[in-house]
Structure formats: structure tokens, C-alpha cells
Amino acid sequence: MIALAVLALSLSAPAPVAAVPGDLLSRGDAAMAARGDPAQLSAALAAYREAAALRPGDPEAELRLARAEAFRARANPAEAADAWGRASRAAERALRRLSPAWATAVDAGDPVAAAAKVDLPGAEALYWLALASWSGAQGKGFAALLAVKDVALASMERAAALDGGIDCAGPYRALGAWRAALPAAVGGGAARARGEFEKAVSLGPRCRLTKVREAETLFVLLQDRKAFEAALTEVLAPGEADPRFGPEDEMARSRARELLAREDRLF
């Protein structure tokens, strides 16, 4: 009788209510606004990961997750490999939904040409995918970077052409840094890097991260110590910032201080 009573109760009890992805996204957005706080970043990641698990491939969830994982990678070098990998997978899932033609080309074995298949709705997903692919490979060494170079460059160039203002001019900022790291014969060189950084500054004049990336890549490449110091001094100076990217600006300030402390070893 007791067993039957327990069974009856279990059958009559309401099933657990699944988390509503919209609520998870709102919770994640609230935490992501304070992403400079490690606890808030962790809360945002947890919410976005759960939302993406409930709605795999949904761009609303996946793009938020890619952005949060990219921030984690930049903020926590010890976690960068894992974070870039997660960002890449989230961005790819979103891009497959947003650009079926891209997915078809990739699955057919032509990932370089696939970038041209992406239209404006897929620009942000393509950006995060390219950034995560390059950055993740960079952490593994030059051979790994060479393996993704052509696909990442084609993808980032397409993202820049579609919407260069993503992530505070992130596509042009990335292209500037990448071209500074590559020989002219394979799409790099100082002149091309400078042009990309000029576009990034034009689109996002208040983005301190751009000036830091220019200093640590192009100006170090050119061994232009005066420009290096001027750029990082500008980053550290008081001034109006883009309110959407306050945590990134603080990250840029921290990186600027690190670079200035290492200046004698860089020049």
C-alpha cells in the first residue's frame, strides 16, 4: 500500500519546469554587463551555456555565448585555450543556422571560399569564428596558425566588409594585428597592418583595445618606440570611453601597463 501511495504521488506531481531560454538570456545579459567582475562573467557564461544547450544553434544564445567566451579568453590567459575553443564552436553553430550556403561550402571542403557565401545576418558569427580560430591556433604555435591562416583571413575580411563595426571595430583591429604578424608575401606587412588599424580607429575612435593592439603588434614590429609610448599613454589617459565596452577598456588599460613595464625588452 505504501509503495502504491508513493507511486500515485509521483505520478500526480507536476513535472519539473524547464528553464525558459529567454529568461536565461536576460539573466546572462544582466551579468554580462558587469563582465569585468569574474563572478559576474561566470554567471553570464553559465546562463548562456544553459540557453545554448536548450536551443542548440539558436543565434540569440550562441552569439552571446561566443562573445562571453571570447571575453573570458582575453581576460584569463590561463583559460584562453578552452575559452577560444568554446567560442569557436558556438559561433560555428550560429553561422550554420544563419548562413546555410556557408555550411554547405564548408562541408564540401572549401572553407576559404565559404566566407564569401556569408551575408550580413551572419557577419557577427563569422567574426567570432574567425577571431576564435586564429587566437586559439596562435596559442598552439606557428604551425597551427599557418593551418588556419587562409580560412581565418578570408573570414575576417568578409566580416569586415559586411560590418566592420562589430565588437568596437573588431574585424579591422584583428586584421591589423594579424597582418603585422605575417610577411607581406602572405597577406601581411606593416603597410597593410597600418591601413587596417586606421580603419579600426575611424570606426571605433574611443576603443582603447585597438590602440593597445596596434602598439603591441605594429609598433613593436616597426620598432617605433615613440609611437608605442604615445599609443599606450593615450590608452591610460582620462577620456570618454564607449559605454558599451567599459570592461574591454579596463582590460586595455591593464594590458597597456603590462606593455610599458616590458618596454625595454621589446625595443
Protein backbone atom coordinates (compact mmCIF):
# COMPACT_ATOMS: atom_id res chain seq x y z
CA MET A 1 0.00 0.00 0.00
CA ILE A 2 2.80 2.39 0.89
CA ALA A 3 4.53 1.68 -2.42
CA LEU A 4 1.30 2.31 -4.29
CA ALA A 5 0.78 5.59 -2.43
CA VAL A 6 4.29 6.76 -3.28
CA LEU A 7 3.73 5.79 -6.92
CA ALA A 8 0.46 7.71 -7.01
CA LEU A 9 2.10 10.79 -5.57
CA SER A 10 4.95 10.63 -8.06
CA LEU A 11 2.53 10.30 -10.95
CA SER A 12 0.45 13.22 -9.79
CA ALA A 13 3.40 15.54 -9.05
CA PRO A 14 3.97 18.16 -11.73
CA ALA A 15 6.99 17.64 -13.94
CA PRO A 16 9.95 19.99 -13.32
CA VAL A 17 9.59 23.17 -15.34
CA ALA A 18 12.40 23.52 -17.88
CA ALA A 19 14.34 26.75 -17.83
CA VAL A 20 12.98 29.29 -20.28
CA PRO A 21 15.79 30.31 -22.66
CA GLY A 22 14.54 33.89 -22.79
CA ASP A 23 14.85 34.14 -19.03
CA LEU A 24 18.32 32.63 -19.19
CA LEU A 25 19.37 35.14 -21.82
CA SER A 26 18.07 38.04 -19.74
CA ARG A 27 19.91 36.73 -16.70
CA GLY A 28 23.05 36.30 -18.75
CA ASP A 29 22.76 39.79 -20.21
CA ALA A 30 22.47 41.34 -16.75
CA ALA A 31 25.61 39.53 -15.60
CA MET A 32 27.47 40.20 -18.85
CA ALA A 33 27.02 43.93 -18.36
CA ALA A 34 29.37 43.59 -15.37
CA ARG A 35 31.69 41.08 -17.07
CA GLY A 36 34.78 42.75 -15.64
CA ASP A 37 33.86 41.07 -12.35
CA PRO A 38 34.94 37.40 -12.60
CA ALA A 39 31.89 36.25 -10.64
CA GLN A 40 29.54 38.08 -12.99
CA LEU A 41 31.34 36.72 -16.04
CA SER A 42 30.95 33.20 -14.64
CA ALA A 43 27.24 33.83 -14.08
CA ALA A 44 26.83 35.10 -17.64
CA LEU A 45 28.65 32.09 -19.06
CA ALA A 46 26.54 29.67 -17.03
CA ALA A 47 23.31 31.26 -18.24
CA TYR A 48 24.37 31.42 -21.87
CA ARG A 49 25.69 27.87 -21.87
CA GLU A 50 22.41 26.59 -20.48
CA ALA A 51 20.41 28.59 -23.01
CA ALA A 52 22.57 27.29 -25.87
CA ALA A 53 22.17 23.72 -24.61
CA LEU A 54 18.39 24.13 -24.62
CA ARG A 55 18.37 25.80 -28.04
CA PRO A 56 21.44 24.49 -29.92
CA GLY A 57 22.23 26.59 -32.95
CA ASP A 58 19.92 29.44 -31.96
CA PRO A 59 21.88 32.58 -32.88
CA GLU A 60 20.43 34.55 -29.95
CA ALA A 61 22.01 32.17 -27.48
CA GLU A 62 25.08 31.09 -29.43
CA LEU A 63 26.32 34.59 -30.31
CA ARG A 64 26.01 35.71 -26.72
CA LEU A 65 27.96 32.64 -25.66
CA ALA A 66 30.67 33.24 -28.26
CA ARG A 67 31.11 36.82 -27.12
CA ALA A 68 31.27 35.86 -23.43
CA GLU A 69 33.77 33.08 -24.10
CA ALA A 70 35.92 35.48 -26.14
CA PHE A 71 35.94 37.91 -23.25
CA ARG A 72 36.98 35.08 -20.92
CA ALA A 73 39.82 34.18 -23.25
CA ARG A 74 41.11 37.75 -23.30
CA ALA A 75 40.68 38.29 -19.58
CA ASN A 76 42.12 34.98 -18.36
CA PRO A 77 45.13 33.76 -20.37
CA ALA A 78 45.25 30.51 -18.37
CA GLU A 79 41.75 29.68 -19.65
CA ALA A 80 42.25 31.00 -23.17
CA ALA A 81 42.62 27.66 -24.95
CA ASP A 82 39.35 26.32 -23.55
CA ALA A 83 37.52 29.62 -23.99
CA TRP A 84 38.56 30.13 -27.62
CA GLY A 85 37.52 26.58 -28.40
CA ARG A 86 34.09 27.12 -26.88
CA ALA A 87 33.72 30.48 -28.64
CA SER A 88 34.60 28.89 -31.97
CA ARG A 89 32.06 26.09 -31.57
CA ALA A 90 29.28 28.45 -30.51
CA ALA A 91 29.98 30.79 -33.43
CA GLU A 92 30.02 27.91 -35.90
CA ARG A 93 26.68 26.59 -34.63
CA ALA A 94 25.16 30.06 -35.07
CA LEU A 95 26.69 30.52 -38.51
CA ARG A 96 25.35 27.22 -39.76
CA ARG A 97 21.86 28.44 -38.88
CA LEU A 98 22.36 31.96 -40.25
CA SER A 99 24.18 31.01 -43.45
CA PRO A 100 23.28 27.59 -44.86
CA ALA A 101 25.29 28.37 -48.01
CA TRP A 102 28.40 28.82 -45.86
CA ALA A 103 27.74 25.50 -44.14
CA THR A 104 27.30 23.74 -47.49
CA ALA A 105 30.61 25.11 -48.80
CA VAL A 106 32.45 24.16 -45.60
CA ASP A 107 31.02 20.66 -45.64
CA ALA A 108 32.05 20.33 -49.28
CA GLY A 109 35.65 21.00 -48.26
CA ASP A 110 36.07 24.63 -49.38
CA PRO A 111 36.21 26.71 -46.17
CA VAL A 112 38.18 29.59 -47.72
CA ALA A 113 35.59 30.22 -50.44
CA ALA A 114 32.79 29.66 -47.92
CA ALA A 115 33.37 33.09 -46.35
CA ALA A 116 32.05 34.82 -49.48
CA LYS A 117 28.76 32.96 -49.05
CA VAL A 118 28.01 34.79 -45.79
CA ASP A 119 25.65 37.78 -45.91
CA LEU A 120 25.02 40.49 -43.33
CA PRO A 121 22.95 38.36 -40.90
CA GLY A 122 25.93 36.06 -40.44
CA ALA A 123 28.59 38.76 -40.06
CA GLU A 124 28.92 38.62 -36.28
CA ALA A 125 29.05 34.83 -36.16
CA LEU A 126 31.71 34.85 -38.88
CA TYR A 127 33.71 37.42 -36.90
CA TRP A 128 33.71 35.44 -33.67
CA LEU A 129 34.53 32.23 -35.54
CA ALA A 130 37.49 33.81 -37.32
CA LEU A 131 38.77 35.51 -34.17
CA ALA A 132 38.48 32.36 -32.08
CA SER A 133 40.06 30.17 -34.75
CA TRP A 134 43.08 32.45 -35.18
CA SER A 135 43.51 33.18 -31.49
CA GLY A 136 43.16 29.54 -30.49
CA ALA A 137 45.69 28.46 -33.10
CA GLN A 138 48.09 31.23 -32.11
CA GLY A 139 48.27 29.78 -28.63
CA LYS A 140 49.40 26.43 -30.09
CA GLY A 141 52.30 27.74 -32.15
CA PHE A 142 53.20 28.93 -35.63
CA ALA A 143 52.42 25.64 -37.38
CA ALA A 144 48.87 25.65 -36.02
CA LEU A 145 48.48 29.27 -37.05
CA LEU A 146 49.57 28.52 -40.60
CA ALA A 147 46.96 25.77 -40.78
CA VAL A 148 44.08 28.21 -40.12
CA LYS A 149 45.59 31.37 -41.64
CA ASP A 150 43.88 31.33 -45.03
CA VAL A 151 40.43 30.48 -43.71
CA ALA A 152 40.65 32.94 -40.82
CA LEU A 153 41.87 35.78 -43.03
CA ALA A 154 39.19 35.22 -45.66
CA SER A 155 36.54 35.04 -42.94
CA MET A 156 37.71 38.16 -41.13
CA GLU A 157 37.99 40.11 -44.37
CA ARG A 158 34.41 39.15 -45.21
CA ALA A 159 33.21 40.08 -41.71
CA ALA A 160 34.91 43.47 -42.03
CA ALA A 161 33.31 44.06 -45.43
CA LEU A 162 29.88 43.17 -44.07
CA ASP A 163 30.04 45.04 -40.77
CA GLY A 164 33.39 46.46 -39.68
CA GLY A 165 31.92 47.95 -36.53
CA ILE A 166 31.29 44.62 -34.76
CA ASP A 167 32.93 44.41 -31.33
CA CYS A 168 34.07 48.05 -31.43
CA ALA A 169 35.69 47.74 -34.89
CA GLY A 170 36.93 44.28 -34.02
CA PRO A 171 37.30 42.96 -37.59
CA TYR A 172 39.72 45.72 -38.60
CA ARG A 173 41.52 45.57 -35.25
CA ALA A 174 42.07 41.85 -35.75
CA LEU A 175 43.19 42.27 -39.35
CA GLY A 176 45.67 44.95 -38.30
CA ALA A 177 47.23 42.71 -35.67
CA TRP A 178 47.25 39.68 -37.94
CA ARG A 179 48.85 41.48 -40.87
CA ALA A 180 51.55 42.82 -38.56
CA ALA A 181 52.36 39.20 -37.66
CA LEU A 182 52.54 37.96 -41.25
CA PRO A 183 55.06 38.58 -44.04
CA ALA A 184 53.90 40.76 -46.92
CA ALA A 185 54.10 37.77 -49.29
CA VAL A 186 51.23 36.03 -47.47
CA GLY A 187 48.91 38.96 -46.87
CA GLY A 188 50.73 40.76 -44.10
CA GLY A 189 53.25 43.55 -43.75
CA ALA A 190 53.46 46.87 -41.94
CA ALA A 191 51.74 48.94 -44.63
CA ARG A 192 48.66 46.72 -44.75
CA ALA A 193 48.55 46.47 -40.98
CA ARG A 194 48.63 50.24 -40.63
CA GLY A 195 45.75 50.59 -43.06
CA GLU A 196 43.61 48.13 -41.09
CA PHE A 197 44.31 49.90 -37.80
CA GLU A 198 43.40 53.25 -39.36
CA LYS A 199 40.02 51.82 -40.35
CA ALA A 200 39.54 50.43 -36.85
CA VAL A 201 40.29 53.79 -35.24
CA SER A 202 37.97 55.54 -37.69
CA LEU A 203 35.07 53.20 -36.86
CA GLY A 204 35.77 52.99 -33.12
CA PRO A 205 37.71 56.09 -32.06
CA ARG A 206 37.03 55.51 -28.36
CA CYS A 207 38.08 51.85 -28.32
CA ARG A 208 41.23 51.62 -26.25
CA LEU A 209 41.79 47.98 -27.12
CA THR A 210 42.58 48.99 -30.71
CA LYS A 211 45.42 51.28 -29.66
CA VAL A 212 46.86 48.57 -27.42
CA ARG A 213 46.79 46.01 -30.23
CA GLU A 214 48.43 48.49 -32.59
CA ALA A 215 51.16 49.22 -30.07
CA GLU A 216 51.96 45.59 -29.24
CA THR A 217 51.94 44.40 -32.85
CA LEU A 218 52.62 47.10 -35.46
CA PHE A 219 54.75 49.49 -33.42
CA VAL A 220 56.83 46.66 -31.97
CA LEU A 221 57.27 45.27 -35.49
CA LEU A 222 58.46 48.68 -36.70
CA GLN A 223 60.49 49.22 -33.52
CA ASP A 224 58.82 52.61 -33.27
CA ARG A 225 59.24 53.25 -29.57
CA LYS A 226 57.88 56.79 -29.74
CA ALA A 227 54.62 55.67 -31.35
CA PHE A 228 54.40 52.75 -28.91
CA GLU A 229 54.67 55.05 -25.92
CA ALA A 230 52.27 57.61 -27.37
CA ALA A 231 49.60 54.99 -28.07
CA LEU A 232 49.78 53.45 -24.60
CA THR A 233 49.89 56.84 -22.91
CA GLU A 234 46.69 57.69 -24.78
CA VAL A 235 45.10 54.45 -23.56
CA LEU A 236 45.94 55.29 -19.95
CA ALA A 237 44.90 58.93 -20.14
CA PRO A 238 41.49 60.01 -18.80
CA GLY A 239 38.93 60.35 -21.52
CA GLU A 240 35.48 59.46 -22.70
CA ALA A 241 35.02 55.78 -23.45
CA ASP A 242 32.37 53.87 -25.35
CA PRO A 243 29.93 52.86 -22.58
CA ARG A 244 29.22 49.54 -24.27
CA PHE A 245 32.83 48.45 -23.87
CA GLY A 246 33.84 49.61 -20.41
CA PRO A 247 35.22 46.21 -19.31
CA GLU A 248 37.22 45.93 -22.53
CA ASP A 249 38.64 49.40 -21.90
CA GLU A 250 39.74 48.35 -18.42
CA MET A 251 41.33 45.28 -19.94
CA ALA A 252 43.13 47.54 -22.41
CA ARG A 253 44.43 49.76 -19.61
CA SER A 254 45.77 46.74 -17.74
CA ARG A 255 47.49 45.46 -20.88
CA ALA A 256 48.96 48.92 -21.56
CA ARG A 257 50.56 48.97 -18.11
CA GLU A 258 51.98 45.48 -18.70
CA LEU A 259 53.47 46.51 -22.04
CA LEU A 260 55.03 49.66 -20.66
CA ALA A 261 56.60 47.62 -17.87
CA ARG A 262 58.19 45.36 -20.53
CA GLU A 263 59.15 48.17 -22.87
CA ASP A 264 62.92 47.76 -22.55
CA ARG A 265 62.63 44.12 -23.58
CA LEU A 266 60.50 44.97 -26.61
CA PHE A 267 62.82 47.63 -28.03
